[in-house]
Protein backbone atom coordinates (compact mmCIF):
# COMPACT_ATOMS: atom_id res chain seq x y z
CA MET A 1 0.10 -0.02 -0.03
CA THR A 2 1.64 3.23 -1.05
CA THR A 3 1.74 6.07 1.37
CA LEU A 4 2.51 9.87 0.78
CA VAL A 5 4.79 11.34 3.52
CA TRP A 6 4.07 15.05 3.68
CA PHE A 7 7.47 16.56 4.87
CA ARG A 8 7.50 19.98 6.44
CA GLN A 9 9.66 20.76 9.51
CA ASP A 10 10.85 17.16 10.04
CA LEU A 11 13.55 17.29 7.22
CA ARG A 12 15.16 14.08 8.36
CA LEU A 13 14.98 10.29 7.79
CA ALA A 14 16.01 9.02 11.34
CA ASP A 15 13.64 9.34 14.34
CA ASN A 16 10.78 10.29 11.99
CA PRO A 17 7.66 8.46 13.16
CA ALA A 18 5.69 9.61 10.00
CA LEU A 19 8.38 8.24 7.65
CA HIS A 20 8.59 5.05 9.64
CA ALA A 21 4.84 4.39 9.78
CA ALA A 22 4.81 4.77 5.96
CA ALA A 23 7.64 2.79 5.20
CA GLU A 24 6.14 -0.32 7.28
CA ARG A 25 3.15 -0.37 5.06
CA GLY A 26 4.99 -0.34 1.76
CA PRO A 27 5.90 2.10 -1.05
CA VAL A 28 6.74 5.56 0.05
CA VAL A 29 6.26 8.95 -1.90
CA PRO A 30 7.96 11.75 -0.19
CA VAL A 31 6.53 15.37 -0.75
CA TYR A 32 7.17 18.82 0.19
CA VAL A 33 4.42 21.27 -0.52
CA GLU A 34 5.22 25.04 -0.35
CA SER A 35 2.04 26.64 1.21
CA PHE A 36 3.30 29.79 2.57
CA ALA A 37 -0.02 31.55 2.21
CA ASP A 38 -1.65 29.58 4.81
CA GLU A 39 0.89 30.74 7.35
CA GLY A 40 -0.14 34.43 6.76
CA GLU A 41 2.24 36.85 8.32
CA TRP A 42 4.37 34.17 9.87
CA ALA A 43 5.39 32.54 6.45
CA PRO A 44 9.20 31.90 6.60
CA GLY A 45 11.47 35.04 6.40
CA GLY A 46 14.37 35.50 4.24
CA ALA A 47 17.06 33.71 6.24
CA SER A 48 14.81 30.76 7.04
CA ARG A 49 13.98 30.56 3.27
CA TRP A 50 17.53 30.24 2.47
CA TRP A 51 17.85 27.47 5.17
CA LEU A 52 14.91 25.62 3.92
CA HIS A 53 16.25 25.49 0.34
CA GLN A 54 19.49 23.96 1.48
CA SER A 55 17.78 21.51 3.74
CA LEU A 56 15.24 20.29 1.21
CA SER A 57 18.35 19.77 -1.11
CA ALA A 58 19.91 17.80 1.36
CA LEU A 59 16.78 15.71 2.10
CA ALA A 60 16.40 15.03 -1.60
CA ARG A 61 20.09 13.86 -1.72
CA ASP A 62 19.36 11.48 1.26
CA LEU A 63 16.26 10.04 -0.31
CA ALA A 64 17.95 9.48 -3.60
CA HIS A 65 20.68 7.41 -1.89
CA ARG A 66 17.78 5.10 -0.55
CA GLY A 67 16.29 4.62 -3.92
CA SER A 68 13.65 7.31 -3.42
CA ARG A 69 12.93 10.99 -4.42
CA LEU A 70 11.55 14.13 -3.10
CA LEU A 71 8.60 15.53 -4.85
CA VAL A 72 8.05 19.29 -4.75
CA ALA A 73 4.60 21.07 -5.23
CA ARG A 74 3.27 24.41 -4.39
CA GLY A 75 -0.53 25.30 -3.69
CA SER A 76 -3.13 24.17 -1.31
CA PRO A 77 -1.94 20.98 0.63
CA LEU A 78 -5.33 19.26 0.63
CA GLU A 79 -5.52 19.61 -3.24
CA VAL A 80 -2.08 18.77 -3.91
CA LEU A 81 -1.92 15.64 -1.57
CA ILE A 82 -5.20 14.44 -3.06
CA ALA A 83 -3.98 14.84 -6.73
CA LEU A 84 -0.71 13.35 -6.00
CA ALA A 85 -2.52 10.20 -4.10
CA ARG A 86 -4.56 9.66 -7.21
CA GLU A 87 -1.53 9.94 -9.60
CA CYS A 88 0.51 7.36 -7.81
CA GLY A 89 -2.25 5.21 -6.20
CA ALA A 90 -1.53 5.98 -2.59
CA THR A 91 -4.05 5.22 -0.03
CA ALA A 92 -2.50 7.04 2.84
CA ILE A 93 -0.77 10.26 4.02
CA THR A 94 1.29 10.52 7.10
CA TRP A 95 3.07 13.81 8.42
CA THR A 96 4.39 15.28 11.60
CA ARG A 97 2.51 17.58 13.38
CA ARG A 98 3.12 21.42 13.91
CA TYR A 99 1.86 23.60 16.70
CA GLU A 100 1.57 26.98 15.13
CA PRO A 101 -2.10 28.37 15.48
CA ALA A 102 -2.64 28.95 11.82
CA VAL A 103 -1.13 25.68 10.98
CA ILE A 104 -3.13 23.72 13.43
CA ALA A 105 -6.25 25.11 11.98
CA ARG A 106 -4.95 24.41 8.34
CA ASP A 107 -3.91 20.94 9.30
CA THR A 108 -7.23 20.11 10.75
CA ARG A 109 -9.06 21.13 7.65
CA VAL A 110 -6.58 19.07 5.58
CA LYS A 111 -6.98 15.93 7.75
CA GLU A 112 -10.76 16.26 7.46
CA GLY A 113 -10.75 16.58 3.68
CA LEU A 114 -8.24 13.71 3.19
CA ARG A 115 -10.61 11.50 5.11
CA ASP A 116 -13.63 12.89 3.10
CA ALA A 117 -11.63 11.91 -0.04
CA GLY A 118 -11.28 8.26 1.30
CA LEU A 119 -7.58 8.55 2.31
CA ASP A 120 -6.13 7.44 5.77
CA ALA A 121 -4.55 10.52 7.23
CA GLN A 122 -2.34 10.10 10.35
CA SER A 123 -0.16 12.69 11.99
CA PHE A 124 2.61 12.05 14.48
CA ASN A 125 4.64 13.93 17.15
CA GLY A 126 8.09 14.25 15.70
CA ALA A 127 9.19 17.59 17.08
CA LEU A 128 8.61 17.62 20.87
CA LEU A 129 9.57 15.69 23.80
CA ALA A 130 5.78 16.31 24.99
CA GLU A 131 2.97 17.88 23.10
CA PRO A 132 1.57 21.06 24.67
CA TRP A 133 -1.80 19.53 25.59
CA THR A 134 -0.16 16.63 27.65
CA ILE A 135 1.40 18.88 30.33
CA ALA A 136 -0.98 20.50 33.06
CA ASN A 137 -0.74 21.73 36.37
CA GLN A 138 -2.82 20.38 39.38
CA SER A 139 -5.92 22.20 38.30
CA GLY A 140 -5.54 20.90 34.86
CA ARG A 141 -4.66 24.26 33.34
CA PRO A 142 -1.51 25.19 31.24
CA PHE A 143 1.60 26.43 33.10
CA GLN A 144 2.95 30.05 32.96
CA VAL A 145 5.94 29.61 35.01
CA PHE A 146 8.88 27.62 33.76
CA THR A 147 10.14 25.75 36.84
CA PRO A 148 6.98 23.73 37.68
CA PHE A 149 6.60 23.11 34.02
CA TYR A 150 10.09 21.81 33.92
CA LYS A 151 9.54 19.59 36.83
CA GLN A 152 6.32 18.06 35.59
CA LEU A 153 7.66 17.47 32.11
CA LEU A 154 10.62 15.44 33.74
CA ARG A 155 8.14 13.49 35.91
CA GLN A 156 6.12 12.51 32.77
CA LEU A 157 9.32 11.90 30.44
CA GLU A 158 9.59 8.59 28.86
CA VAL A 159 12.44 8.32 26.28
CA PRO A 160 11.03 6.28 23.12
CA GLU A 161 13.38 3.91 21.39
CA ALA A 162 15.49 5.44 18.62
CA ILE A 163 14.09 4.80 15.03
CA PRO A 164 16.83 4.29 12.56
CA ALA A 165 17.03 5.87 9.10
CA PRO A 166 15.76 3.44 6.52
CA THR A 167 18.37 1.96 4.57
CA ALA A 168 16.01 1.77 1.45
CA LEU A 169 12.45 3.04 0.53
CA LEU A 170 10.22 1.14 -1.67
CA PRO A 171 9.27 3.25 -4.80
CA PRO A 172 5.79 3.61 -6.00
CA ALA A 173 4.85 1.90 -9.22
CA GLN A 174 4.57 5.46 -10.89
CA TRP A 175 6.33 8.50 -9.62
CA PRO A 176 3.92 11.59 -9.96
CA SER A 177 5.34 14.69 -11.56
CA SER A 178 7.20 17.28 -9.62
CA LEU A 179 8.49 20.79 -9.67
CA PRO A 180 12.21 21.49 -9.54
CA LEU A 181 13.16 23.00 -6.13
CA ASP A 182 14.41 26.06 -7.79
CA ALA A 183 10.75 26.91 -8.94
CA LEU A 184 9.89 27.67 -5.13
CA ALA A 185 12.27 30.65 -5.48
CA LEU A 186 13.40 30.34 -1.72
CA LEU A 187 16.82 31.80 -2.34
CA PRO A 188 16.91 35.57 -2.10
CA ARG A 189 17.63 37.62 -5.49
CA ILE A 190 20.35 39.32 -3.73
CA ASP A 191 23.45 37.29 -2.66
CA TRP A 192 23.66 38.46 0.98
CA TYR A 193 24.01 34.97 2.22
CA ARG A 194 27.47 34.13 1.58
CA GLU A 195 28.46 34.18 5.22
CA MET A 196 25.42 32.19 6.21
CA ALA A 197 26.68 29.52 3.67
CA ALA A 198 30.13 29.57 5.24
CA THR A 199 28.75 29.07 8.79
CA TRP A 200 26.33 26.36 8.40
CA THR A 201 25.82 22.82 6.99
CA PRO A 202 21.84 22.65 6.76
CA GLY A 203 20.46 19.15 6.48
CA GLU A 204 20.33 15.94 8.68
CA ALA A 205 23.97 15.18 8.35
CA GLY A 206 24.94 18.72 9.18
CA ALA A 207 22.73 18.43 12.24
CA LEU A 208 24.26 15.25 13.44
CA GLU A 209 27.80 16.57 12.90
CA GLN A 210 27.01 19.80 14.90
CA LEU A 211 25.46 17.56 17.70
CA GLU A 212 28.74 15.60 17.83
CA ARG A 213 30.93 18.76 17.82
CA PHE A 214 28.95 19.88 20.89
CA VAL A 215 29.20 16.72 22.84
CA ASP A 216 32.99 16.69 22.16
CA THR A 217 33.98 20.25 22.72
CA ALA A 218 31.40 22.23 24.69
CA LEU A 219 29.10 20.03 26.67
CA ASP A 220 31.36 19.80 29.63
CA ARG A 221 31.65 23.41 30.08
CA TYR A 222 28.27 24.29 28.92
CA ARG A 223 27.06 26.01 32.15
CA ASP A 224 29.96 28.18 32.41
CA ALA A 225 30.65 28.81 28.63
CA ARG A 226 27.31 29.12 27.25
CA ASP A 227 27.08 32.84 28.14
CA ARG A 228 30.28 33.86 26.34
CA PRO A 229 29.59 34.86 22.79
CA ALA A 230 33.14 34.81 21.46
CA ILE A 231 33.69 31.15 22.09
CA PRO A 232 31.92 27.95 20.96
CA GLY A 233 30.11 27.17 24.12
CA THR A 234 26.64 26.59 23.09
CA SER A 235 25.05 23.90 21.00
CA ARG A 236 24.28 25.91 17.86
CA LEU A 237 21.48 23.21 17.17
CA SER A 238 18.47 25.66 17.00
CA PRO A 239 18.19 26.11 13.27
CA HIS A 240 18.42 22.17 12.96
CA LEU A 241 15.81 21.77 15.54
CA HIS A 242 13.58 24.20 13.99
CA PHE A 243 13.75 22.48 10.56
CA GLY A 244 13.51 19.15 12.20
CA GLU A 245 16.82 17.87 10.93
CA VAL A 246 17.34 16.44 14.14
CA SER A 247 14.61 15.46 16.69
CA PRO A 248 14.96 16.47 20.25
CA TRP A 249 14.82 12.81 21.11
CA THR A 250 18.07 12.18 19.35
CA ILE A 251 19.72 15.04 21.07
CA TRP A 252 18.38 13.86 24.43
CA ARG A 253 19.62 10.37 24.08
CA ARG A 254 22.93 11.52 22.94
CA ILE A 255 23.53 13.84 25.77
CA GLU A 256 22.31 11.16 28.33
CA ALA A 257 24.84 8.73 26.69
CA ALA A 258 27.63 11.30 26.91
CA HIS A 259 26.78 12.04 30.61
CA ALA A 260 26.81 8.30 31.16
CA GLU A 261 30.20 8.00 29.44
CA ARG A 262 31.65 10.72 31.86
CA GLY A 263 30.20 8.93 34.93
CA ILE A 264 27.27 11.31 35.30
CA ASP A 265 24.24 9.29 36.82
CA ARG A 266 20.73 9.68 35.18
CA ALA A 267 19.49 12.00 37.99
CA GLU A 268 22.20 14.38 37.67
CA SER A 269 22.01 14.27 33.81
CA ARG A 270 18.49 15.33 33.69
CA ALA A 271 19.18 18.18 36.07
CA SER A 272 21.74 19.53 33.75
CA LYS A 273 21.48 22.95 32.38
CA TYR A 274 21.58 22.01 28.85
CA PHE A 275 18.43 19.79 29.36
CA ALA A 276 16.77 22.72 31.07
CA GLU A 277 17.29 24.85 28.02
CA LEU A 278 15.98 22.09 25.71
CA ILE A 279 12.89 22.07 27.93
CA TRP A 280 12.54 25.86 27.59
CA ARG A 281 11.77 25.00 23.89
CA GLU A 282 9.07 22.84 25.03
CA PHE A 283 7.72 25.57 27.39
CA SER A 284 7.70 28.07 24.51
CA HIS A 285 5.48 25.75 22.56
CA HIS A 286 3.26 24.98 25.46
CA LEU A 287 2.53 28.73 25.85
CA LEU A 288 1.96 29.27 22.15
CA HIS A 289 -0.56 26.35 21.94
CA HIS A 290 -2.56 27.44 24.99
CA PHE A 291 -2.18 31.24 24.33
CA PRO A 292 -2.39 31.59 20.59
CA HIS A 293 -2.76 35.44 20.38
CA THR A 294 0.74 35.98 21.99
CA PRO A 295 2.71 36.43 18.58
CA THR A 296 0.77 39.81 18.33
CA GLU A 297 -0.66 40.51 21.81
CA PRO A 298 1.03 40.40 25.25
CA LEU A 299 0.28 37.66 27.61
CA ARG A 300 -0.10 40.06 30.46
CA THR A 301 -2.75 42.25 29.27
CA GLU A 302 -1.97 45.42 31.26
CA PHE A 303 1.11 45.77 28.69
CA ALA A 304 -1.39 46.60 26.07
CA ARG A 305 -1.50 49.96 27.51
CA PHE A 306 2.28 50.51 27.80
CA PRO A 307 3.51 53.72 26.43
CA TRP A 308 5.76 52.58 23.68
CA HIS A 309 7.59 54.91 21.44
CA GLU A 310 7.28 54.89 17.67
CA ASP A 311 10.64 56.02 16.19
CA ALA A 312 11.51 54.59 12.71
CA ARG A 313 15.07 56.00 12.53
CA ALA A 314 15.89 54.37 15.96
CA LEU A 315 14.42 51.14 14.81
CA GLY A 316 16.51 51.26 11.60
CA THR A 317 19.57 52.31 13.58
CA TRP A 318 19.07 49.04 15.75
CA GLN A 319 18.67 46.99 12.82
CA ARG A 320 21.63 48.05 10.99
CA GLY A 321 23.96 47.52 14.11
CA ARG A 322 24.74 51.32 14.26
CA THR A 323 23.60 52.18 17.82
CA GLY A 324 26.96 53.11 19.01
CA ILE A 325 26.72 50.47 21.57
CA PRO A 326 29.37 47.71 20.69
CA LEU A 327 27.81 44.53 22.22
CA VAL A 328 24.59 45.46 20.78
CA ASP A 329 26.00 46.43 17.24
CA ALA A 330 28.19 43.24 17.38
CA GLY A 331 24.95 41.00 17.90
CA MET A 332 22.80 42.75 15.07
CA ARG A 333 25.71 42.32 12.58
CA GLU A 334 26.15 38.88 13.41
CA LEU A 335 22.58 38.17 13.03
CA TRP A 336 22.58 39.86 9.55
CA ALA A 337 25.78 38.08 8.52
CA THR A 338 25.07 34.44 9.73
CA GLY A 339 21.12 34.20 10.43
CA TRP A 340 22.02 33.57 14.02
CA MET A 341 22.94 35.42 17.26
CA HIS A 342 24.17 34.29 20.60
CA ASN A 343 21.49 33.73 23.16
CA ARG A 344 23.10 36.11 25.87
CA VAL A 345 23.45 38.92 23.11
CA ARG A 346 19.82 38.24 21.86
CA MET A 347 18.71 39.34 25.44
CA VAL A 348 20.96 42.32 25.46
CA VAL A 349 19.86 43.65 22.13
CA ALA A 350 16.25 43.15 22.88
CA SER A 351 16.45 44.82 26.24
CA LEU A 352 17.97 47.74 24.52
CA LEU A 353 15.13 48.07 22.04
CA VAL A 354 12.24 47.58 24.43
CA LYS A 355 13.54 49.51 27.64
CA ASN A 356 16.25 52.02 26.61
CA LEU A 357 14.77 52.75 23.40
CA ARG A 358 11.16 51.96 24.53
CA LEU A 359 10.19 50.50 21.08
CA ASP A 360 7.38 47.90 20.86
CA TRP A 361 8.69 44.32 21.38
CA ARG A 362 6.82 43.36 18.10
CA HIS A 363 9.16 45.44 16.07
CA GLY A 364 12.01 43.36 17.33
CA ALA A 365 10.27 40.01 17.04
CA ARG A 366 9.34 40.86 13.44
CA TRP A 367 12.95 41.80 12.64
CA PHE A 368 14.25 38.51 14.25
CA TRP A 369 11.62 36.68 12.24
CA ASP A 370 13.07 37.81 9.07
CA THR A 371 16.57 37.65 9.78
CA LEU A 372 16.96 34.43 11.99
CA ALA A 373 17.59 31.13 10.35
CA ASP A 374 16.12 29.50 13.48
CA ALA A 375 13.08 31.66 13.51
CA ASP A 376 10.62 29.47 15.46
CA LEU A 377 7.26 31.36 16.28
CA ALA A 378 7.02 29.76 19.73
CA ASN A 379 10.68 30.65 20.62
CA ASN A 380 10.57 33.88 19.13
CA THR A 381 7.39 35.10 20.89
CA GLN A 382 8.36 33.67 24.22
CA GLY A 383 11.85 35.39 24.14
CA TRP A 384 10.56 38.86 23.33
CA GLN A 385 7.75 38.61 25.64
CA TRP A 386 10.21 37.58 28.36
CA THR A 387 12.53 40.35 27.59
CA SER A 388 9.78 42.99 27.56
CA GLY A 389 8.16 41.84 30.68
CA CYS A 390 4.78 41.08 29.29
CA GLY A 391 4.91 37.25 28.95
CA ALA A 392 4.81 34.11 31.01
CA ASP A 393 7.61 33.85 33.60
CA ALA A 394 8.90 37.08 32.24
CA ALA A 395 11.88 39.02 33.62
CA PRO A 396 10.45 41.76 35.36
CA TYR A 397 10.13 45.10 33.42
CA PHE A 398 12.64 46.61 35.99
CA ARG A 399 15.39 44.39 34.99
CA ILE A 400 17.35 46.20 32.27
CA PHE A 401 20.39 44.86 30.88
CA ASN A 402 23.43 47.27 30.78
CA PRO A 403 25.22 46.50 27.43
CA VAL A 404 28.42 47.84 28.77
CA SER A 405 28.67 45.80 31.94
CA GLN A 406 27.31 42.79 30.21
CA GLY A 407 30.07 43.16 27.59
CA GLU A 408 32.57 43.53 30.27
CA ARG A 409 31.47 40.34 32.01
CA PHE A 410 30.86 38.25 29.00
CA ASP A 411 32.99 39.48 26.22
CA PRO A 412 35.97 40.33 28.71
CA ASP A 413 38.67 40.49 26.16
CA GLY A 414 36.46 42.17 23.47
CA ALA A 415 36.90 39.38 21.02
CA TYR A 416 33.28 39.24 20.02
CA VAL A 417 33.03 42.95 19.59
CA ARG A 418 36.20 43.29 17.63
CA ARG A 419 35.13 40.25 15.41
CA TRP A 420 31.86 42.00 14.36
CA VAL A 421 32.57 45.78 14.88
CA PRO A 422 35.92 46.34 13.09
CA GLU A 423 35.79 49.87 13.46
CA LEU A 424 36.77 49.25 17.02
CA ALA A 425 39.62 46.94 16.24
CA ASP A 426 42.23 49.45 17.61
CA VAL A 427 40.24 50.58 20.56
CA ALA A 428 42.01 49.82 24.03
CA LEU A 429 40.39 46.98 26.10
CA ALA A 430 39.56 49.39 28.80
CA HIS A 431 37.09 51.24 26.32
CA ILE A 432 36.13 48.44 24.04
CA HIS A 433 32.58 48.31 25.42
CA ALA A 434 32.16 52.04 25.82
CA PRO A 435 34.28 53.64 23.33
CA TRP A 436 32.51 57.00 23.71
CA LEU A 437 34.51 57.27 26.90
CA ALA A 438 37.94 56.72 25.25
CA PRO A 439 40.31 59.84 25.12
CA SER A 440 40.09 59.67 21.53
CA PRO A 441 36.69 58.05 20.42
CA PRO A 442 37.01 56.30 16.92
CA ARG A 443 35.67 58.52 14.20
CA ASP A 444 34.18 56.03 12.05
CA TYR A 445 32.05 54.52 14.91
CA PRO A 446 28.60 56.70 15.85
CA PRO A 447 28.09 57.90 19.49
CA PRO A 448 25.48 56.07 21.51
CA ILE A 449 22.02 56.17 20.17
CA VAL A 450 20.73 56.77 23.71
CA ASP A 451 22.19 57.69 27.24
CA LEU A 452 22.00 54.33 28.82
CA LYS A 453 21.35 55.81 32.59
CA ALA A 454 18.80 58.32 31.41
CA SER A 455 16.91 55.88 29.27
CA ARG A 456 16.87 53.46 32.00
CA GLU A 457 15.15 55.96 34.34
CA ALA A 458 12.55 56.82 31.61
CA ALA A 459 11.80 53.19 31.19
CA LEU A 460 11.27 52.60 34.71
CA ALA A 461 9.05 55.65 34.96
CA ALA A 462 6.95 54.45 32.11
CA TYR A 463 6.52 51.20 33.81
CA GLN A 464 5.43 52.75 37.09
CA SER A 465 2.80 54.93 35.22
CA LEU A 466 1.50 51.62 33.65
CA ARG A 467 1.17 50.15 37.22
CA GLY A 468 -0.43 53.24 38.51
CA ARG A 469 -3.19 53.09 35.72
């Protein structure tokens, strides 16, 4: 019995329940359907589209090595899947579930339509450790604080057996027609992505290589090194996870195995800082599922009245990495060049935007959405609401990151700033994070866009006025 496998954000062969279920039934027809119109304003941004093109290319090669191929189509998934099923004689369709509100609504319609057409439609969890509706507090309600969510997930967690990648896939009796991948026009017309291409290896093989690199070089020092943007102290797996090139279960098993090899017992392993960060991703999806309005509206409703500024010039200066504040500019330039930014720096640049400049957090979220290769609606929403103080388990609004002290603490030798802000290459270390205080400030670097102390006080006053109302 031939089965269509509808690939989306599960662009891998191993640990893929939807693919495994299809392969057990008989011939498999893998297909990717470009349907960005269904995702509205949250269709993939420029950096994500570049990554998607590379990842689909890698998936097509991996399938070819197993005697299969990846079909590419564009349009309504329901219409495309029904047409393909009729063309190749498929009787079933499988796919991996996604959790964005618009996609859930679309997928519900697709499943009903496929079944109305007489096709067996099955979806699987291949993206999360625990699906959002499976974790609840003692009252049966969703969590809004991370620590109890984290503890509950660990209590419920059962690690499934690994599903190996198939060594071969049975082809259908007749292959349906397919678009060439280039027809999707995922690559931008302007060649701005050269450094992204030099930085990343999209695809399942690249994801597994990065996982091994993290285990070998950074896992043991993760707790201390993860906040240092100039050194490889983080996993850098977020884009691979977003596109499903590696499953969270594969990562979980590999980290537990590495801990066991180092003599760390299971309880201590599960309490590790890296697993807490992996579960933070789960928490973000939990929140998005239960509070689907949060990509555009604050979870804490009082922030709907917050007196944000509107300043297009300041926003553009922040986006271009020309604020005159080195750690912020380094982060924004790293983002533009590589499609990624170190997490510590993400918090600092976000804090400057929403607190010192007092610009609406949604401006930052939309910029990250277009420029991050790992632009994930759940993570992006939670991160910006956390920094701005309007989300679940949020940093209190009065916690305002000082980018100078953050730079001195986490980039103590200035290596990160010098890498991304070459105008400061010759500035003495004593002034690298506040060059405006140097005896001779660099001429080709702008002065600070804002007075950090005065803007902090203004932000706190705005917050107090909100509380007073």
